[in-house]
């Protein structure tokens, strides 16, 4: 007698109009290091993230710049993707930081994004867990990132993982004309009296 294969697990998502339960198959992603062929998809997800953050025209990055940053001679930026049956549904882009107080590296997560139609299936959590594993395996002190103060769904998600905001810190940024003007000034030091 042949045994029937069991269907993949399904999670109830409420009731259908007919009164019975409705189901949605929860896709499982494979988290893997990004590959050069992922660059166009990652760049599209970066544009999607910018739109979500109300800055749809802010992305200036080109595919060539991203490819060089991730896969050039000496990459200093890294990415992991959530891959569901060959379809990249999310990504985490990060780089190593260093703690002078701890004396070891950490990970700074620049971007974490999962397509809206793929949210709620654990892809974002799996991406973050991969970075946490990467950090702990290498003896890094932390994984840290910034989140917009209005992004309540993300803040609640991060808190659910055990992450806490660094409320005593403010982020400063020197960019654009201010960066150019400050960088163009001569460097002088004055000795104290």
C-alpha atoms as a PDB file:
ATOM      1  CA  UNK A   1       0.000   0.000   0.000  1.00  0.00           C
ATOM      2  CA  UNK A   2       1.423   3.383  -1.014  1.00  0.00           C
ATOM      3  CA  UNK A   3       1.387   6.209   1.449  1.00  0.00           C
ATOM      4  CA  UNK A   4       0.157   9.563   0.299  1.00  0.00           C
ATOM      5  CA  UNK A   5       2.585  12.431   0.624  1.00  0.00           C
ATOM      6  CA  UNK A   6       1.478  15.077   3.045  1.00  0.00           C
ATOM      7  CA  UNK A   7       0.783  18.510   1.666  1.00  0.00           C
ATOM      8  CA  UNK A   8       3.046  21.353   2.835  1.00  0.00           C
ATOM      9  CA  UNK A   9       1.903  23.051   6.038  1.00  0.00           C
ATOM     10  CA  UNK A  10      -0.632  25.786   5.582  1.00  0.00           C
ATOM     11  CA  UNK A  11      -1.550  28.601   7.885  1.00  0.00           C
ATOM     12  CA  UNK A  12      -5.109  29.796   8.322  1.00  0.00           C
ATOM     13  CA  UNK A  13      -5.558  33.399   7.285  1.00  0.00           C
ATOM     14  CA  UNK A  14      -9.156  34.017   8.295  1.00  0.00           C
ATOM     15  CA  UNK A  15     -12.457  32.902   6.849  1.00  0.00           C
ATOM     16  CA  UNK A  16     -13.552  32.915   3.255  1.00  0.00           C
ATOM     17  CA  UNK A  17     -16.813  34.404   2.095  1.00  0.00           C
ATOM     18  CA  UNK A  18     -18.321  30.893   1.998  1.00  0.00           C
ATOM     19  CA  UNK A  19     -17.960  30.446   5.746  1.00  0.00           C
ATOM     20  CA  UNK A  20     -15.112  27.922   5.627  1.00  0.00           C
ATOM     21  CA  UNK A  21     -11.528  28.681   6.515  1.00  0.00           C
ATOM     22  CA  UNK A  22      -9.318  30.174   3.836  1.00  0.00           C
ATOM     23  CA  UNK A  23      -5.682  29.203   3.632  1.00  0.00           C
ATOM     24  CA  UNK A  24      -2.519  30.677   2.236  1.00  0.00           C
ATOM     25  CA  UNK A  25       0.529  28.515   1.683  1.00  0.00           C
ATOM     26  CA  UNK A  26       3.467  30.030   3.542  1.00  0.00           C
ATOM     27  CA  UNK A  27       6.477  29.956   1.241  1.00  0.00           C
ATOM     28  CA  UNK A  28       9.772  29.027   2.822  1.00  0.00           C
ATOM     29  CA  UNK A  29      12.777  31.027   1.724  1.00  0.00           C
ATOM     30  CA  UNK A  30      16.341  29.955   1.410  1.00  0.00           C
ATOM     31  CA  UNK A  31      18.677  32.651   2.715  1.00  0.00           C
ATOM     32  CA  UNK A  32      21.844  32.823   0.687  1.00  0.00           C
ATOM     33  CA  UNK A  33      24.645  35.228  -0.111  1.00  0.00           C
ATOM     34  CA  UNK A  34      23.783  37.477  -3.027  1.00  0.00           C
ATOM     35  CA  UNK A  35      25.228  36.592  -6.424  1.00  0.00           C
ATOM     36  CA  UNK A  36      26.120  38.946  -9.307  1.00  0.00           C
ATOM     37  CA  UNK A  37      22.976  37.925 -11.188  1.00  0.00           C
ATOM     38  CA  UNK A  38      20.885  39.201  -8.232  1.00  0.00           C
ATOM     39  CA  UNK A  39      22.055  42.796  -8.694  1.00  0.00           C
ATOM     40  CA  UNK A  40      19.125  43.981 -10.901  1.00  0.00           C
ATOM     41  CA  UNK A  41      16.597  42.505  -8.450  1.00  0.00           C
ATOM     42  CA  UNK A  42      18.381  43.950  -5.410  1.00  0.00           C
ATOM     43  CA  UNK A  43      18.475  47.351  -7.099  1.00  0.00           C
ATOM     44  CA  UNK A  44      14.733  47.131  -7.798  1.00  0.00           C
ATOM     45  CA  UNK A  45      14.129  46.226  -4.144  1.00  0.00           C
ATOM     46  CA  UNK A  46      16.233  49.250  -3.118  1.00  0.00           C
ATOM     47  CA  UNK A  47      13.946  51.426  -5.266  1.00  0.00           C
ATOM     48  CA  UNK A  48      10.898  49.761  -3.698  1.00  0.00           C
ATOM     49  CA  UNK A  49      12.304  50.462  -0.225  1.00  0.00           C
ATOM     50  CA  UNK A  50      12.855  54.116  -1.140  1.00  0.00           C
ATOM     51  CA  UNK A  51       9.225  54.360  -2.260  1.00  0.00           C
ATOM     52  CA  UNK A  52       8.076  52.746   1.004  1.00  0.00           C
ATOM     53  CA  UNK A  53      10.155  55.320   2.900  1.00  0.00           C
ATOM     54  CA  UNK A  54       8.502  58.169   0.923  1.00  0.00           C
ATOM     55  CA  UNK A  55      11.690  58.950  -1.046  1.00  0.00           C
ATOM     56  CA  UNK A  56      10.958  57.425  -4.481  1.00  0.00           C
ATOM     57  CA  UNK A  57      13.395  59.689  -6.338  1.00  0.00           C
ATOM     58  CA  UNK A  58      16.280  59.514  -3.849  1.00  0.00           C
ATOM     59  CA  UNK A  59      18.072  56.415  -5.174  1.00  0.00           C
ATOM     60  CA  UNK A  60      21.023  57.328  -7.393  1.00  0.00           C
ATOM     61  CA  UNK A  61      22.770  53.945  -7.246  1.00  0.00           C
ATOM     62  CA  UNK A  62      23.312  52.222 -10.578  1.00  0.00           C
ATOM     63  CA  UNK A  63      23.526  48.498 -11.213  1.00  0.00           C
ATOM     64  CA  UNK A  64      27.218  48.942 -12.051  1.00  0.00           C
ATOM     65  CA  UNK A  65      27.927  50.714  -8.753  1.00  0.00           C
ATOM     66  CA  UNK A  66      26.071  48.063  -6.784  1.00  0.00           C
ATOM     67  CA  UNK A  67      27.775  45.214  -8.648  1.00  0.00           C
ATOM     68  CA  UNK A  68      31.201  46.768  -8.015  1.00  0.00           C
ATOM     69  CA  UNK A  69      30.453  47.409  -4.323  1.00  0.00           C
ATOM     70  CA  UNK A  70      29.251  43.839  -3.748  1.00  0.00           C
ATOM     71  CA  UNK A  71      31.480  41.865  -6.120  1.00  0.00           C
ATOM     72  CA  UNK A  72      34.464  44.056  -7.041  1.00  0.00           C
ATOM     73  CA  UNK A  73      38.098  43.346  -6.190  1.00  0.00           C
ATOM     74  CA  UNK A  74      37.767  44.303  -2.524  1.00  0.00           C
ATOM     75  CA  UNK A  75      34.080  44.310  -1.554  1.00  0.00           C
ATOM     76  CA  UNK A  76      33.262  46.222   1.597  1.00  0.00           C
ATOM     77  CA  UNK A  77      29.486  45.777   1.336  1.00  0.00           C
ATOM     78  CA  UNK A  78      27.689  42.449   1.504  1.00  0.00           C
ATOM     79  CA  UNK A  79      24.183  41.207   0.843  1.00  0.00           C
ATOM     80  CA  UNK A  80      22.023  38.211   1.579  1.00  0.00           C
ATOM     81  CA  UNK A  81      18.772  37.462  -0.189  1.00  0.00           C
ATOM     82  CA  UNK A  82      15.610  35.557   0.627  1.00  0.00           C
ATOM     83  CA  UNK A  83      15.093  33.204  -2.303  1.00  0.00           C
ATOM     84  CA  UNK A  84      11.756  31.416  -2.792  1.00  0.00           C
ATOM     85  CA  UNK A  85      11.996  28.900  -5.618  1.00  0.00           C
ATOM     86  CA  UNK A  86      14.445  31.107  -7.530  1.00  0.00           C
ATOM     87  CA  UNK A  87      12.526  34.335  -6.879  1.00  0.00           C
ATOM     88  CA  UNK A  88      14.316  36.888  -4.674  1.00  0.00           C
ATOM     89  CA  UNK A  89      11.644  38.320  -2.358  1.00  0.00           C
ATOM     90  CA  UNK A  90      13.851  40.257   0.057  1.00  0.00           C
ATOM     91  CA  UNK A  91      17.387  41.315   0.883  1.00  0.00           C
ATOM     92  CA  UNK A  92      19.689  42.507   3.639  1.00  0.00           C
ATOM     93  CA  UNK A  93      22.601  44.761   2.658  1.00  0.00           C
ATOM     94  CA  UNK A  94      25.279  45.250   5.313  1.00  0.00           C
ATOM     95  CA  UNK A  95      28.881  46.086   6.089  1.00  0.00           C
ATOM     96  CA  UNK A  96      31.291  45.500   8.951  1.00  0.00           C
ATOM     97  CA  UNK A  97      31.584  48.094  11.660  1.00  0.00           C
ATOM     98  CA  UNK A  98      34.029  48.220  14.567  1.00  0.00           C
ATOM     99  CA  UNK A  99      33.485  48.886  18.251  1.00  0.00           C
ATOM    100  CA  UNK A 100      36.398  50.656  19.888  1.00  0.00           C
ATOM    101  CA  UNK A 101      34.946  49.801  23.300  1.00  0.00           C
ATOM    102  CA  UNK A 102      34.487  46.095  22.556  1.00  0.00           C
ATOM    103  CA  UNK A 103      37.584  45.799  20.364  1.00  0.00           C
ATOM    104  CA  UNK A 104      35.783  43.683  17.763  1.00  0.00           C
ATOM    105  CA  UNK A 105      33.757  44.095  14.615  1.00  0.00           C
ATOM    106  CA  UNK A 106      30.005  44.276  14.306  1.00  0.00           C
ATOM    107  CA  UNK A 107      27.524  44.358  11.467  1.00  0.00           C
ATOM    108  CA  UNK A 108      25.748  47.512  10.368  1.00  0.00           C
ATOM    109  CA  UNK A 109      22.590  46.645   8.460  1.00  0.00           C
ATOM    110  CA  UNK A 110      22.091  49.345   5.842  1.00  0.00           C
ATOM    111  CA  UNK A 111      18.910  47.963   4.309  1.00  0.00           C
ATOM    112  CA  UNK A 112      16.447  45.196   5.104  1.00  0.00           C
ATOM    113  CA  UNK A 113      13.477  44.875   2.793  1.00  0.00           C
ATOM    114  CA  UNK A 114      10.926  42.210   1.914  1.00  0.00           C
ATOM    115  CA  UNK A 115       8.407  42.693  -0.881  1.00  0.00           C
ATOM    116  CA  UNK A 116       4.931  43.482   0.491  1.00  0.00           C
ATOM    117  CA  UNK A 117       3.400  40.381  -1.106  1.00  0.00           C
ATOM    118  CA  UNK A 118       5.967  38.198   0.689  1.00  0.00           C
ATOM    119  CA  UNK A 119       5.715  39.733   4.163  1.00  0.00           C
ATOM    120  CA  UNK A 120       4.471  37.759   7.137  1.00  0.00           C
ATOM    121  CA  UNK A 121       6.142  34.516   6.042  1.00  0.00           C
ATOM    122  CA  UNK A 122       9.336  34.958   8.088  1.00  0.00           C
ATOM    123  CA  UNK A 123      11.686  36.144   5.331  1.00  0.00           C
ATOM    124  CA  UNK A 124      12.785  39.286   7.197  1.00  0.00           C
ATOM    125  CA  UNK A 125      13.324  37.339  10.406  1.00  0.00           C
ATOM    126  CA  UNK A 126      15.336  34.714   8.504  1.00  0.00           C
ATOM    127  CA  UNK A 127      17.533  37.409   6.943  1.00  0.00           C
ATOM    128  CA  UNK A 128      18.198  39.005  10.341  1.00  0.00           C
ATOM    129  CA  UNK A 129      18.834  35.620  11.946  1.00  0.00           C
ATOM    130  CA  UNK A 130      21.409  34.886   9.234  1.00  0.00           C
ATOM    131  CA  UNK A 131      23.230  38.120  10.074  1.00  0.00           C
ATOM    132  CA  UNK A 132      23.050  37.324  13.803  1.00  0.00           C
ATOM    133  CA  UNK A 133      24.535  33.886  13.139  1.00  0.00           C
ATOM    134  CA  UNK A 134      27.244  35.421  10.958  1.00  0.00           C
ATOM    135  CA  UNK A 135      28.088  37.872  13.750  1.00  0.00           C
ATOM    136  CA  UNK A 136      28.167  35.319  16.560  1.00  0.00           C
ATOM    137  CA  UNK A 137      30.201  32.792  14.542  1.00  0.00           C
ATOM    138  CA  UNK A 138      32.870  35.452  13.982  1.00  0.00           C
ATOM    139  CA  UNK A 139      32.849  36.879  17.501  1.00  0.00           C
ATOM    140  CA  UNK A 140      31.304  40.198  16.463  1.00  0.00           C
ATOM    141  CA  UNK A 141      29.780  42.307  19.234  1.00  0.00           C
ATOM    142  CA  UNK A 142      26.553  43.441  17.608  1.00  0.00           C
ATOM    143  CA  UNK A 143      24.196  43.832  14.689  1.00  0.00           C
ATOM    144  CA  UNK A 144      22.741  47.315  14.491  1.00  0.00           C
ATOM    145  CA  UNK A 145      20.667  49.429  12.137  1.00  0.00           C
ATOM    146  CA  UNK A 146      18.518  52.531  11.920  1.00  0.00           C
ATOM    147  CA  UNK A 147      14.773  52.700  11.458  1.00  0.00           C
ATOM    148  CA  UNK A 148      12.568  55.670  10.643  1.00  0.00           C
ATOM    149  CA  UNK A 149      10.633  56.827  13.709  1.00  0.00           C
ATOM    150  CA  UNK A 150       7.281  56.599  11.878  1.00  0.00           C
ATOM    151  CA  UNK A 151       7.875  52.984  10.759  1.00  0.00           C
ATOM    152  CA  UNK A 152       5.854  51.384  13.566  1.00  0.00           C
ATOM    153  CA  UNK A 153       5.449  47.944  11.922  1.00  0.00           C
ATOM    154  CA  UNK A 154       9.226  47.582  11.604  1.00  0.00           C
ATOM    155  CA  UNK A 155       9.881  48.917  15.103  1.00  0.00           C
ATOM    156  CA  UNK A 156       7.429  46.409  16.573  1.00  0.00           C
ATOM    157  CA  UNK A 157       9.015  43.614  14.513  1.00  0.00           C
ATOM    158  CA  UNK A 158      12.526  44.527  15.713  1.00  0.00           C
ATOM    159  CA  UNK A 159      11.371  44.713  19.332  1.00  0.00           C
ATOM    160  CA  UNK A 160       9.781  41.255  18.981  1.00  0.00           C
ATOM    161  CA  UNK A 161      13.252  39.909  18.128  1.00  0.00           C
ATOM    162  CA  UNK A 162      14.785  41.375  21.274  1.00  0.00           C
ATOM    163  CA  UNK A 163      16.354  44.424  19.592  1.00  0.00           C
ATOM    164  CA  UNK A 164      16.149  47.693  21.505  1.00  0.00           C
ATOM    165  CA  UNK A 165      16.484  51.294  20.302  1.00  0.00           C
ATOM    166  CA  UNK A 166      19.532  53.277  21.336  1.00  0.00           C
ATOM    167  CA  UNK A 167      17.453  56.233  22.506  1.00  0.00           C
ATOM    168  CA  UNK A 168      20.400  58.060  24.032  1.00  0.00           C
ATOM    169  CA  UNK A 169      22.027  58.401  20.599  1.00  0.00           C
ATOM    170  CA  UNK A 170      21.186  60.687  17.667  1.00  0.00           C
ATOM    171  CA  UNK A 171      22.340  60.034  14.109  1.00  0.00           C
ATOM    172  CA  UNK A 172      24.272  62.806  12.397  1.00  0.00           C
ATOM    173  CA  UNK A 173      25.073  62.964   8.708  1.00  0.00           C
ATOM    174  CA  UNK A 174      27.389  65.230   6.735  1.00  0.00           C
ATOM    175  CA  UNK A 175      26.383  65.126   3.068  1.00  0.00           C
ATOM    176  CA  UNK A 176      25.960  67.149  -0.113  1.00  0.00           C
ATOM    177  CA  UNK A 177      27.099  70.780  -0.104  1.00  0.00           C
ATOM    178  CA  UNK A 178      27.880  70.730   3.611  1.00  0.00           C
ATOM    179  CA  UNK A 179      30.226  67.764   3.142  1.00  0.00           C
ATOM    180  CA  UNK A 180      31.937  69.363   0.156  1.00  0.00           C
ATOM    181  CA  UNK A 181      32.355  72.719   1.904  1.00  0.00           C
ATOM    182  CA  UNK A 182      33.668  71.190   5.117  1.00  0.00           C
ATOM    183  CA  UNK A 183      36.006  68.840   3.267  1.00  0.00           C
ATOM    184  CA  UNK A 184      37.395  71.683   1.156  1.00  0.00           C
ATOM    185  CA  UNK A 185      38.542  73.684   4.189  1.00  0.00           C
ATOM    186  CA  UNK A 186      42.169  73.387   5.156  1.00  0.00           C
ATOM    187  CA  UNK A 187      43.047  71.271   8.148  1.00  0.00           C
ATOM    188  CA  UNK A 188      44.545  73.279  10.978  1.00  0.00           C
ATOM    189  CA  UNK A 189      45.002  72.478  14.616  1.00  0.00           C
ATOM    190  CA  UNK A 190      45.285  74.975  17.381  1.00  0.00           C
ATOM    191  CA  UNK A 191      47.132  74.190  20.546  1.00  0.00           C
ATOM    192  CA  UNK A 192      45.312  74.929  23.765  1.00  0.00           C
ATOM    193  CA  UNK A 193      46.651  77.557  26.183  1.00  0.00           C
END
